[in-house]
Amino acid sequence: MTKQKINIDPAKIHLKLIEEVYSKIEEIDEADQQSEFDTNLAHKSAYNISANGFLLGLKVEFKTSGKDKAKSCQFRYNFHFIIENLEEMYHLNEDDLPVFQTLFVATLSGISYSTLRGIIFEKTLRTNWNGLTLPVVDPSLILNSWIEKD
């Protein structure tokens, strides 16, 4: 089977809802502020072909690596999209299940991640975490790790 060339048209991508699943921010002290942070990022996706819907969920966790008990910030958001030309973004596999084009999912990942960067910065700005800024990353790398459970 040959892969079709896809045309990602930004005008056909509509972010309809940003759903906060949870947001947990533990207080940290001055020693924790000086420590290194471990950052974990994962995603989940779902679709509704008949409604042209696609969901991309992102989970981000920051953990201190201080000497005492590690403290963390955890954020989990779902980004609900309506894609006018969703039928062009996938092909059916041998089991008649949709397989979405990597570039398409990476595009939604980039939109979601960029939005989440701003949300996390705002939520941590007036806390002891002092406005965490997520690094800029290749959106396709986000697709390498899955949210196993919440």
Protein backbone atom coordinates (compact mmCIF):
# COMPACT_ATOMS: atom_id res chain seq x y z
CA MET A 1 0.00 0.00 0.00
CA THR A 2 1.37 3.41 -0.89
CA LYS A 3 1.15 6.14 1.64
CA GLN A 4 -0.90 9.09 0.56
CA LYS A 5 0.56 12.57 0.70
CA ILE A 6 -1.28 14.56 3.30
CA ASN A 7 -2.06 18.24 3.25
CA ILE A 8 -2.21 19.76 6.71
CA ASP A 9 -4.28 22.90 6.40
CA PRO A 10 -4.19 24.95 9.64
CA ALA A 11 -7.56 26.50 8.75
CA LYS A 12 -9.13 23.03 9.07
CA ILE A 13 -7.75 22.38 12.57
CA HIS A 14 -9.94 23.69 15.38
CA LEU A 15 -8.93 23.46 19.04
CA LYS A 16 -12.39 23.27 20.63
CA LEU A 17 -11.64 22.52 24.27
CA ILE A 18 -8.73 22.49 26.67
CA GLU A 19 -9.68 20.16 29.50
CA GLU A 20 -7.72 20.19 32.75
CA VAL A 21 -7.67 16.60 34.00
CA TYR A 22 -5.54 17.56 37.00
CA SER A 23 -3.00 20.07 38.17
CA LYS A 24 -0.99 19.33 41.32
CA ILE A 25 1.64 21.73 42.60
CA GLU A 26 3.53 20.80 45.77
CA GLU A 27 5.13 23.63 47.69
CA ILE A 28 8.91 23.66 47.61
CA ASP A 29 11.38 25.42 49.85
CA GLU A 30 14.49 27.42 49.00
CA ALA A 31 16.74 24.34 48.99
CA ASP A 32 14.40 22.64 46.52
CA GLN A 33 14.49 25.72 44.29
CA GLN A 34 18.27 25.32 43.97
CA SER A 35 18.10 21.65 43.03
CA GLU A 36 17.91 20.10 39.59
CA PHE A 37 14.54 19.05 38.20
CA ASP A 38 13.65 15.86 36.42
CA THR A 39 11.02 16.37 33.73
CA ASN A 40 8.79 13.64 32.34
CA LEU A 41 6.44 14.07 29.40
CA ALA A 42 3.93 11.64 27.92
CA HIS A 43 0.91 11.69 25.65
CA LYS A 44 -2.27 9.81 24.85
CA SER A 45 -4.56 10.08 21.88
CA ALA A 46 -8.07 9.12 20.89
CA TYR A 47 -10.35 9.80 17.96
CA ASN A 48 -13.98 9.92 16.88
CA ILE A 49 -14.02 9.50 13.12
CA SER A 50 -17.74 10.20 12.70
CA ALA A 51 -17.45 13.53 14.56
CA ASN A 52 -14.08 14.49 12.99
CA GLY A 53 -12.76 14.58 16.54
CA PHE A 54 -9.23 13.97 17.77
CA LEU A 55 -8.03 14.17 21.35
CA LEU A 56 -4.42 14.64 22.34
CA GLY A 57 -3.67 14.35 26.04
CA LEU A 58 -0.42 15.54 27.58
CA LYS A 59 1.04 14.82 30.99
CA VAL A 60 4.03 16.73 32.35
CA GLU A 61 5.73 16.09 35.67
CA PHE A 62 8.56 18.01 37.30
CA LYS A 63 10.35 16.44 40.28
CA THR A 64 12.99 17.94 42.47
CA SER A 65 16.11 15.93 43.00
CA GLY A 66 16.86 17.34 46.45
CA LYS A 67 18.27 15.40 49.37
CA ASP A 68 14.93 15.14 51.14
CA LYS A 69 11.71 13.70 49.78
CA ALA A 70 11.26 14.68 46.14
CA LYS A 71 8.55 17.24 45.51
CA SER A 72 6.66 17.52 42.26
CA CYS A 73 4.39 19.47 39.96
CA GLN A 74 2.09 17.40 37.79
CA PHE A 75 -0.13 18.57 34.97
CA ARG A 76 -2.50 16.55 32.80
CA TYR A 77 -4.53 18.22 30.04
CA ASN A 78 -6.63 16.97 27.16
CA PHE A 79 -6.78 19.00 23.97
CA HIS A 80 -9.94 18.35 21.95
CA PHE A 81 -9.74 19.09 18.23
CA ILE A 82 -12.20 19.06 15.37
CA ILE A 83 -10.42 18.35 12.09
CA GLU A 84 -12.48 19.25 9.02
CA ASN A 85 -10.53 16.88 6.78
CA LEU A 86 -9.84 14.13 9.31
CA GLU A 87 -10.57 11.45 6.69
CA GLU A 88 -7.42 12.58 4.83
CA MET A 89 -5.18 12.12 7.89
CA TYR A 90 -5.25 8.34 8.16
CA HIS A 91 -5.44 5.09 6.28
CA LEU A 92 -7.02 1.84 7.41
CA ASN A 93 -4.81 -1.06 8.36
CA GLU A 94 -5.54 -4.71 7.64
CA ASP A 95 -7.92 -4.79 10.65
CA ASP A 96 -9.85 -1.77 9.33
CA LEU A 97 -8.49 0.43 12.11
CA PRO A 98 -7.29 3.96 11.35
CA VAL A 99 -3.55 4.61 11.37
CA PHE A 100 -2.93 8.34 11.57
CA GLN A 101 -0.11 10.01 9.70
CA THR A 102 2.79 10.84 12.02
CA LEU A 103 3.08 14.38 10.66
CA PHE A 104 -0.59 15.02 11.44
CA VAL A 105 -0.34 13.79 15.04
CA ALA A 106 2.97 15.64 15.50
CA THR A 107 1.24 18.83 14.32
CA LEU A 108 -1.49 18.43 16.94
CA SER A 109 1.20 17.58 19.48
CA GLY A 110 3.03 20.82 18.69
CA ILE A 111 -0.13 22.89 19.05
CA SER A 112 -1.02 21.19 22.34
CA TYR A 113 2.47 21.34 23.80
CA SER A 114 2.92 25.02 22.94
CA THR A 115 -0.39 25.80 24.60
CA LEU A 116 0.53 23.73 27.65
CA ARG A 117 3.84 25.60 27.99
CA GLY A 118 1.88 28.80 28.59
CA ILE A 119 -0.59 27.15 30.96
CA ILE A 120 2.19 25.68 33.12
CA PHE A 121 4.11 28.95 33.19
CA GLU A 122 1.00 30.82 34.32
CA LYS A 123 0.02 28.22 36.94
CA THR A 124 3.49 28.18 38.50
CA LEU A 125 4.27 31.89 38.18
CA ARG A 126 3.05 32.86 41.65
CA THR A 127 4.31 29.73 43.39
CA ASN A 128 7.71 28.74 44.75
CA TRP A 129 8.36 27.05 41.38
CA ASN A 130 8.74 30.59 39.97
CA GLY A 131 7.13 30.22 36.57
CA LEU A 132 8.35 26.95 35.10
CA THR A 133 9.17 27.17 31.43
CA LEU A 134 9.01 23.98 29.41
CA PRO A 135 11.78 23.70 26.84
CA VAL A 136 10.98 23.87 23.15
CA VAL A 137 11.01 20.31 21.82
CA ASP A 138 10.45 18.51 18.57
CA PRO A 139 6.72 17.65 18.69
CA SER A 140 7.33 14.22 17.18
CA LEU A 141 9.48 13.31 20.22
CA ILE A 142 6.43 13.77 22.44
CA LEU A 143 4.83 10.86 20.59
CA ASN A 144 7.54 8.46 21.84
CA SER A 145 6.10 8.12 25.35
CA TRP A 146 2.59 7.11 26.33
CA ILE A 147 0.52 7.96 29.37
CA GLU A 148 0.18 4.54 30.94
CA LYS A 149 -2.28 5.48 33.68
CA ASP A 150 -3.43 8.53 35.61
